[in-house]
Amino acid sequence: MSFLDRAKQQASELRGRAEDKVQDLAARRKADDLLGQLGRLAYAEQTGRGTADAAAAERIVTELRALESSGTQVLGA
């Protein structure tokens, strides 16, 4: 394998790892956003400032479960 072939292979591997990290970061940010939404719903309910929006909470939990099943760590270690 020539030097140029090895360089191309390494560049391709680096690009793949960078894309994976970007996707992981996007998934974690989405999880954080969803947890924030769920927390606001719960807080509003607990403080009497809002009524339970079961459909919204269920949608958020469903999305969080989907992220977890795809390998995203939703809750901290």
Protein backbone atom coordinates (compact mmCIF):
# COMPACT_ATOMS: atom_id res chain seq x y z
CA MET A 1 0.00 0.00 0.00
CA SER A 2 1.44 3.33 -0.99
CA PHE A 3 1.77 6.34 1.23
CA LEU A 4 -1.06 8.10 -0.59
CA ASP A 5 -3.38 5.10 -0.16
CA ARG A 6 -2.64 4.97 3.58
CA ALA A 7 -3.23 8.70 3.91
CA LYS A 8 -6.58 8.40 2.13
CA GLN A 9 -7.59 5.49 4.36
CA GLN A 10 -6.64 7.37 7.52
CA ALA A 11 -8.50 10.46 6.35
CA SER A 12 -11.57 8.36 5.65
CA GLU A 13 -11.40 6.78 9.11
CA LEU A 14 -11.02 10.19 10.76
CA ARG A 15 -13.98 11.55 8.83
CA GLY A 16 -16.10 8.58 9.95
CA ARG A 17 -15.14 9.08 13.59
CA ALA A 18 -15.83 12.81 13.38
CA GLU A 19 -19.27 12.17 11.85
CA ASP A 20 -20.05 9.67 14.63
CA LYS A 21 -19.08 12.21 17.29
CA VAL A 22 -21.23 14.91 15.68
CA GLN A 23 -24.21 12.53 15.59
CA ASP A 24 -23.62 11.56 19.24
CA LEU A 25 -23.45 15.20 20.28
CA ALA A 26 -26.65 16.02 18.39
CA ALA A 27 -28.46 13.11 20.04
CA ARG A 28 -27.28 14.14 23.52
CA ARG A 29 -28.39 17.73 22.90
CA LYS A 30 -31.79 16.49 21.77
CA ALA A 31 -32.06 14.34 24.92
CA ASP A 32 -31.14 17.34 27.10
CA ASP A 33 -33.76 19.47 25.36
CA LEU A 34 -36.43 16.77 25.81
CA LEU A 35 -35.53 16.34 29.49
CA GLY A 36 -35.84 20.09 29.92
CA GLN A 37 -39.28 20.08 28.33
CA LEU A 38 -40.38 17.19 30.53
CA GLY A 39 -39.00 18.93 33.60
CA ARG A 40 -40.89 22.13 32.79
CA LEU A 41 -44.13 20.16 32.39
CA ALA A 42 -43.56 18.42 35.72
CA TYR A 43 -42.63 21.64 37.50
CA ALA A 44 -45.68 23.48 36.18
CA GLU A 45 -47.89 20.62 37.33
CA GLN A 46 -46.29 20.39 40.78
CA THR A 47 -46.54 24.12 41.42
CA GLY A 48 -50.11 24.42 40.22
CA ARG A 49 -49.15 26.59 37.25
CA GLY A 50 -50.23 24.16 34.61
CA THR A 51 -52.39 21.18 34.01
CA ALA A 52 -51.01 17.80 33.17
CA ASP A 53 -50.44 17.54 29.45
CA ALA A 54 -50.30 13.76 29.28
CA ALA A 55 -50.02 13.68 25.49
CA ALA A 56 -46.98 15.97 25.48
CA ALA A 57 -45.32 14.08 28.31
CA GLU A 58 -45.96 10.76 26.59
CA ARG A 59 -44.51 12.09 23.32
CA ILE A 60 -41.38 13.30 25.11
CA VAL A 61 -40.90 10.01 26.96
CA THR A 62 -41.36 8.10 23.70
CA GLU A 63 -38.67 10.21 22.03
CA LEU A 64 -36.33 9.75 24.99
CA ARG A 65 -36.82 5.98 24.90
CA ALA A 66 -36.06 5.97 21.18
CA LEU A 67 -32.83 7.85 21.84
CA GLU A 68 -31.90 5.38 24.58
CA SER A 69 -32.59 2.40 22.35
CA SER A 70 -30.30 3.89 19.71
CA GLY A 71 -27.47 4.05 22.25
CA THR A 72 -27.72 7.61 23.52
CA GLN A 73 -27.17 7.98 27.24
CA VAL A 74 -30.18 10.02 28.35
CA LEU A 75 -29.48 10.21 32.06
CA GLY A 76 -25.99 10.89 33.37
CA ALA A 77 -23.86 8.03 34.60
